[in-house]
Amino acid sequence: MKKLFCLAIVFCVTACATLDRSANPTTRREIKDVNYEARKDDSAPRKRMMVLPFLDAGDKRPQELRDQARAAFIADLNRTGEVIALDSRELKVDLAKMVENGQYKLPEVAKAAQALGVNTVLEGKIIDIRIKRKADNVGVVRHLTTAFEVVAQVRVVTGRAGREVFNTVKTVTVEEQGVRVAERVETDKFLANNPDMITVLVKDAFLDFTPQVLASLDKVTWEGRIAAINGDRIYLNVGRVSGLQVGDLLKVTEDGDDVYDPESGGHIGRVPGRLKGTLEVISYFGNDGSIAVIHSGSGFRENDRIELY
């Protein structure tokens, strides 16, 4: 009799374990978001965007989490073919000194990035990662619902004036339903035991920003710079990859003066510079450069600003 009783216990535990493994959790994804504008015409020149290292409001999450989300976001932006997303490694600035109150001082960073022909600068930040679990506390087999929430923020400013054109906080919620057997839900250490899933959730949250970020660039004027002048040939820091076409006419202006608020001392913006003339694109060179000749005007210099005529 005692032997039969033991066999019955073994059978019960085995059956419950099989039920746990065979359960197919269902996932429901919900995004709280705002509407975004239609994408711009693919034939327009591609604007250069510098993506800064992602920030995190929490100090216990690993750096790798932010790095992987940022790399995926840069790849997704470039995959659209509508923007050239750049890493900030070429920026000759100590970004650690550019963080204040948990955010980058974007106008100052943008001013430094402008010399690299960058049109916009993007900041990404993880604000919070929350996990909520509900379970039936009666019986050996418990039905469990887990809700994952990732709260992320993205800000974009223009490279020329440091003007903010995008600032959105997004909350992405994913719910998973499954079955747990003879286990106290309170003891689950999901963040520690499932780093791969948390990484995927954070990546997914930032990828949802892509259409909105692209739409925000409609508010930004495309521009490039004169990189060098050699006789009658003028070399530009934008070319085929940027979407410039042979035969395009470009107007050239010098940089205007920065204007500051007389009371607060804050940077208001930069006034338009003097129009010097126009250039015509005749060929390409290098990875993303082009060669132009003078169409009208004179007095062109290195680092003069160019834009479509």
Protein backbone atom coordinates (compact mmCIF):
# COMPACT_ATOMS: atom_id res chain seq x y z
CA MET A 1 0.00 0.00 0.00
CA LYS A 2 2.83 2.37 0.88
CA LYS A 3 4.52 1.59 -2.46
CA LEU A 4 1.34 2.34 -4.42
CA PHE A 5 0.97 5.66 -2.57
CA CYS A 6 4.53 6.71 -3.57
CA LEU A 7 3.90 5.77 -7.20
CA ALA A 8 0.77 7.92 -7.22
CA ILE A 9 2.73 10.94 -5.99
CA VAL A 10 5.39 10.45 -8.68
CA PHE A 11 2.69 10.18 -11.37
CA CYS A 12 1.00 13.40 -10.19
CA VAL A 13 4.23 15.41 -10.15
CA THR A 14 5.23 14.08 -13.61
CA ALA A 15 1.84 14.99 -15.08
CA CYS A 16 2.00 18.53 -13.68
CA ALA A 17 5.52 19.04 -15.02
CA THR A 18 4.39 17.84 -18.46
CA LEU A 19 1.51 20.32 -18.35
CA ASP A 20 3.95 23.15 -17.54
CA ARG A 21 6.28 22.29 -20.45
CA SER A 22 3.47 21.78 -22.96
CA ALA A 23 1.69 25.04 -22.16
CA ASN A 24 1.91 27.48 -25.05
CA PRO A 25 2.04 31.01 -23.67
CA THR A 26 0.18 33.64 -25.66
CA THR A 27 1.66 37.09 -26.11
CA ARG A 28 -0.27 40.33 -26.57
CA ARG A 29 1.57 43.52 -27.41
CA GLU A 30 0.19 47.00 -26.79
CA ILE A 31 1.76 50.39 -27.57
CA LYS A 32 0.67 53.69 -26.08
CA ASP A 33 1.74 56.23 -28.64
CA VAL A 34 0.92 59.34 -30.64
CA ASN A 35 0.13 59.57 -34.36
CA TYR A 36 2.96 60.40 -36.73
CA GLU A 37 3.15 62.13 -40.10
CA ALA A 38 3.56 60.46 -43.49
CA ARG A 39 7.10 59.70 -44.59
CA LYS A 40 8.86 62.07 -46.88
CA ASP A 41 9.65 61.42 -50.52
CA ASP A 42 12.45 58.89 -50.98
CA SER A 43 14.01 61.05 -53.71
CA ALA A 44 14.92 63.79 -51.23
CA PRO A 45 18.57 63.95 -50.09
CA ARG A 46 19.22 61.89 -46.97
CA LYS A 47 19.89 63.84 -43.81
CA ARG A 48 22.69 62.83 -41.49
CA MET A 49 21.74 61.98 -37.92
CA MET A 50 24.20 61.32 -35.11
CA VAL A 51 22.92 58.82 -32.54
CA LEU A 52 24.52 59.37 -29.13
CA PRO A 53 25.19 56.54 -26.63
CA PHE A 54 21.90 55.66 -24.96
CA LEU A 55 21.27 56.75 -21.38
CA ASP A 56 19.51 54.87 -18.57
CA ALA A 57 17.63 56.35 -15.63
CA GLY A 58 18.49 53.22 -13.65
CA ASP A 59 22.02 52.49 -12.49
CA LYS A 60 21.73 48.73 -12.07
CA ARG A 61 21.01 47.65 -15.64
CA PRO A 62 24.03 46.54 -17.71
CA GLN A 63 25.67 48.82 -20.28
CA GLU A 64 25.30 46.05 -22.86
CA LEU A 65 21.51 46.48 -22.75
CA ARG A 66 21.78 50.08 -23.97
CA ASP A 67 24.52 49.34 -26.49
CA GLN A 68 22.58 46.56 -28.19
CA ALA A 69 19.40 48.64 -28.35
CA ARG A 70 21.33 51.55 -29.87
CA ALA A 71 23.06 49.38 -32.47
CA ALA A 72 19.71 47.90 -33.53
CA PHE A 73 18.15 51.38 -33.73
CA ILE A 74 20.98 52.74 -35.92
CA ALA A 75 20.69 49.73 -38.24
CA ASP A 76 16.91 50.16 -38.48
CA LEU A 77 17.19 53.85 -39.34
CA ASN A 78 19.76 53.16 -42.05
CA ARG A 79 17.71 50.29 -43.41
CA THR A 80 14.92 52.69 -44.36
CA GLY A 81 17.16 54.48 -46.85
CA GLU A 82 15.73 57.82 -45.74
CA VAL A 83 18.45 58.89 -43.32
CA ILE A 84 22.14 58.29 -42.67
CA ALA A 85 22.43 57.37 -38.99
CA LEU A 86 25.97 57.80 -37.68
CA ASP A 87 27.79 56.61 -34.60
CA SER A 88 29.15 59.35 -32.33
CA ARG A 89 32.67 57.93 -32.17
CA GLU A 90 33.96 60.56 -34.61
CA LEU A 91 32.71 63.36 -32.38
CA LYS A 92 35.67 65.01 -30.67
CA VAL A 93 33.75 65.66 -27.46
CA ASP A 94 33.82 64.03 -24.02
CA LEU A 95 30.16 63.07 -23.89
CA ALA A 96 30.39 62.17 -20.19
CA LYS A 97 30.84 65.89 -19.50
CA MET A 98 27.86 66.71 -21.70
CA VAL A 99 25.31 65.00 -19.40
CA GLU A 100 23.32 67.13 -16.99
CA ASN A 101 20.31 66.04 -14.91
CA GLY A 102 20.22 62.69 -16.69
CA GLN A 103 20.13 64.17 -20.20
CA TYR A 104 22.64 65.31 -22.78
CA LYS A 105 23.11 69.03 -23.28
CA LEU A 106 21.96 68.51 -26.84
CA PRO A 107 22.39 72.08 -28.18
CA GLU A 108 26.07 71.99 -27.18
CA VAL A 109 26.58 68.50 -28.62
CA ALA A 110 24.82 69.54 -31.84
CA LYS A 111 27.09 72.53 -32.22
CA ALA A 112 30.14 70.25 -32.08
CA ALA A 113 28.54 67.71 -34.45
CA GLN A 114 27.75 70.33 -37.06
CA ALA A 115 31.37 70.36 -38.22
CA LEU A 116 30.90 66.73 -39.33
CA GLY A 117 28.01 67.65 -41.60
CA VAL A 118 25.41 66.31 -39.18
CA ASN A 119 21.87 67.64 -39.62
CA THR A 120 20.39 66.26 -36.40
CA VAL A 121 21.50 64.69 -33.11
CA LEU A 122 19.45 61.98 -31.34
CA GLU A 123 19.36 61.01 -27.68
CA GLY A 124 17.78 57.75 -26.51
CA LYS A 125 17.06 56.96 -22.88
CA ILE A 126 15.64 54.01 -20.94
CA ILE A 127 13.38 55.50 -18.29
CA ASP A 128 12.03 52.33 -16.68
CA ILE A 129 11.49 48.60 -17.10
CA ARG A 130 8.59 47.22 -15.09
CA ILE A 131 7.35 43.66 -14.63
CA LYS A 132 3.91 42.93 -13.19
CA ARG A 133 2.72 39.38 -12.49
CA LYS A 134 -0.68 38.04 -11.54
CA ALA A 135 -1.39 34.41 -10.63
CA ASP A 136 -4.03 32.20 -9.09
CA ASN A 137 -2.70 31.41 -5.62
CA VAL A 138 -4.96 28.40 -5.15
CA GLY A 139 -3.94 24.89 -6.17
CA VAL A 140 -0.79 23.30 -7.46
CA VAL A 141 -1.26 24.45 -11.06
CA ARG A 142 -1.33 28.24 -11.29
CA HIS A 143 -2.36 30.36 -14.26
CA LEU A 144 0.10 33.24 -14.60
CA THR A 145 -0.14 36.53 -16.49
CA THR A 146 3.03 38.58 -16.85
CA ALA A 147 3.01 42.18 -18.12
CA PHE A 148 6.28 43.73 -19.25
CA GLU A 149 6.50 47.51 -19.61
CA VAL A 150 9.41 49.37 -21.19
CA VAL A 151 9.35 53.16 -20.92
CA ALA A 152 11.77 54.88 -23.31
CA GLN A 153 12.40 58.43 -24.49
CA VAL A 154 13.91 59.84 -27.68
CA ARG A 155 14.87 63.46 -28.31
CA VAL A 156 16.11 64.97 -31.57
CA VAL A 157 17.61 68.43 -32.12
CA THR A 158 18.89 70.14 -35.25
CA GLY A 159 22.62 70.33 -35.77
CA ARG A 160 22.64 73.94 -36.92
CA ALA A 161 20.59 75.68 -34.25
CA GLY A 162 20.15 73.00 -31.59
CA ARG A 163 16.37 73.36 -31.97
CA GLU A 164 14.31 70.47 -30.60
CA VAL A 165 12.17 68.83 -33.28
CA PHE A 166 11.18 65.61 -31.48
CA ASN A 167 10.68 64.65 -27.84
CA THR A 168 8.50 61.65 -27.09
CA VAL A 169 8.17 59.17 -24.23
CA LYS A 170 6.88 55.78 -25.34
CA THR A 171 5.48 52.98 -23.18
CA VAL A 172 5.46 49.53 -24.75
CA THR A 173 3.50 46.83 -22.92
CA VAL A 174 3.71 43.11 -23.64
CA GLU A 175 1.53 40.57 -21.83
CA GLU A 176 2.30 36.86 -21.64
CA GLN A 177 -0.03 34.20 -20.34
CA GLY A 178 1.18 30.77 -19.24
CA VAL A 179 1.04 28.13 -16.52
CA ARG A 180 3.30 27.61 -13.52
CA VAL A 181 3.28 24.53 -11.28
CA ALA A 182 3.95 24.44 -7.52
CA GLU A 183 6.03 27.63 -7.61
CA ARG A 184 5.75 30.85 -5.65
CA VAL A 185 5.39 33.65 -8.18
CA GLU A 186 6.99 36.14 -5.80
CA THR A 187 10.31 34.30 -5.99
CA ASP A 188 10.69 34.73 -9.78
CA LYS A 189 13.72 36.84 -10.67
CA PHE A 190 12.77 37.54 -14.24
CA LEU A 191 15.20 40.36 -14.94
CA ALA A 192 18.12 38.31 -13.70
CA ASN A 193 17.07 34.99 -15.21
CA ASN A 194 15.90 36.25 -18.62
CA PRO A 195 18.34 38.96 -19.83
CA ASP A 196 17.85 38.00 -23.48
CA MET A 197 14.11 38.67 -23.37
CA ILE A 198 14.60 42.03 -21.63
CA THR A 199 17.12 42.98 -24.33
CA VAL A 200 14.59 42.14 -27.05
CA LEU A 201 11.86 44.16 -25.31
CA VAL A 202 14.10 47.25 -25.02
CA LYS A 203 15.22 46.97 -28.64
CA ASP A 204 11.60 46.66 -29.75
CA ALA A 205 10.60 49.76 -27.79
CA PHE A 206 13.20 51.92 -29.54
CA LEU A 207 12.50 50.46 -32.99
CA ASP A 208 8.93 51.71 -32.66
CA PHE A 209 10.32 55.26 -32.70
CA THR A 210 11.72 54.91 -36.25
CA PRO A 211 8.68 56.16 -38.25
CA GLN A 212 8.19 59.13 -35.94
CA VAL A 213 11.85 60.12 -35.98
CA LEU A 214 11.85 60.02 -39.78
CA ALA A 215 8.70 62.15 -39.90
CA SER A 216 10.25 64.72 -37.54
CA LEU A 217 13.07 65.29 -40.05
CA ASP A 218 10.59 66.98 -42.37
CA LYS A 219 11.04 69.99 -40.08
CA VAL A 220 14.81 69.99 -40.72
CA THR A 221 16.47 71.57 -43.74
CA TRP A 222 18.94 69.33 -45.53
CA GLU A 223 22.45 70.77 -45.70
CA GLY A 224 26.07 69.89 -46.38
CA ARG A 225 29.45 71.60 -46.27
CA ILE A 226 32.27 72.55 -48.60
CA ALA A 227 35.09 70.20 -47.60
CA ALA A 228 37.89 71.55 -49.82
CA ILE A 229 38.59 73.81 -52.81
CA ASN A 230 41.16 73.01 -55.49
CA GLY A 231 41.21 75.41 -58.42
CA ASP A 232 37.84 75.32 -60.16
CA ARG A 233 36.83 72.11 -58.36
CA ILE A 234 34.88 72.34 -55.12
CA TYR A 235 34.68 69.19 -52.99
CA LEU A 236 31.59 68.61 -50.88
CA ASN A 237 31.11 66.35 -47.84
CA VAL A 238 27.86 64.92 -49.28
CA GLY A 239 27.45 62.77 -52.36
CA ARG A 240 25.80 59.68 -53.81
CA VAL A 241 25.02 58.01 -50.46
CA SER A 242 23.40 61.21 -49.22
CA GLY A 243 21.16 61.20 -52.31
CA LEU A 244 22.80 64.09 -54.15
CA GLN A 245 22.45 63.81 -57.94
CA VAL A 246 24.73 64.97 -60.74
CA GLY A 247 23.27 68.20 -62.10
CA ASP A 248 21.83 69.35 -58.77
CA LEU A 249 22.17 73.08 -58.08
CA LEU A 250 23.20 74.04 -54.56
CA LYS A 251 23.16 77.44 -52.93
CA VAL A 252 26.10 78.41 -50.76
CA THR A 253 25.84 80.57 -47.65
CA GLU A 254 28.30 81.52 -44.97
CA ASP A 255 27.56 80.70 -41.35
CA GLY A 256 25.45 83.29 -39.58
CA ASP A 257 26.04 84.62 -36.10
CA ASP A 258 24.81 82.89 -32.94
CA VAL A 259 22.15 84.81 -31.02
CA TYR A 260 21.85 84.50 -27.23
CA ASP A 261 19.11 85.58 -24.84
CA PRO A 262 20.36 88.78 -23.11
CA GLU A 263 18.70 87.83 -19.81
CA SER A 264 19.26 84.08 -19.45
CA GLY A 265 22.31 83.80 -21.65
CA GLY A 266 20.79 80.76 -23.36
CA HIS A 267 21.44 80.04 -27.02
CA ILE A 268 18.43 81.08 -29.13
CA GLY A 269 19.70 80.05 -32.54
CA ARG A 270 21.82 81.08 -35.49
CA VAL A 271 20.70 83.69 -37.99
CA PRO A 272 20.94 82.86 -41.72
CA GLY A 273 24.29 83.71 -43.30
CA ARG A 274 24.97 85.75 -46.45
CA LEU A 275 24.22 84.04 -49.78
CA LYS A 276 27.44 83.67 -51.78
CA GLY A 277 26.22 81.96 -54.95
CA THR A 278 25.42 78.54 -56.41
CA LEU A 279 27.26 75.34 -57.33
CA GLU A 280 26.50 72.54 -59.79
CA VAL A 281 27.30 68.91 -58.93
CA ILE A 282 29.31 67.24 -61.72
CA SER A 283 30.59 63.94 -60.19
CA TYR A 284 31.23 61.90 -57.04
CA PHE A 285 34.30 60.89 -55.06
CA GLY A 286 35.11 58.80 -52.00
CA ASN A 287 32.52 57.12 -49.81
CA ASP A 288 29.99 59.96 -49.81
CA GLY A 289 31.50 63.04 -51.39
CA SER A 290 30.83 64.97 -54.58
CA ILE A 291 32.61 67.44 -56.85
CA ALA A 292 30.98 70.67 -57.95
CA VAL A 293 31.84 73.70 -60.08
CA ILE A 294 30.78 77.32 -59.67
CA HIS A 295 27.46 78.10 -61.28
CA SER A 296 27.24 81.68 -60.00
CA GLY A 297 28.82 83.91 -57.36
CA SER A 298 32.26 83.88 -55.77
CA GLY A 299 34.15 83.98 -52.46
CA PHE A 300 33.47 80.36 -51.51
CA ARG A 301 35.43 78.92 -48.58
CA GLU A 302 35.85 75.64 -46.78
CA ASN A 303 33.05 74.85 -44.32
CA ASP A 304 30.56 77.10 -46.13
CA ARG A 305 27.05 75.75 -45.82
CA ILE A 306 25.28 74.28 -48.87
CA GLU A 307 21.67 73.31 -49.46
CA LEU A 308 19.45 72.52 -52.43
CA TYR A 309 18.67 75.53 -54.56
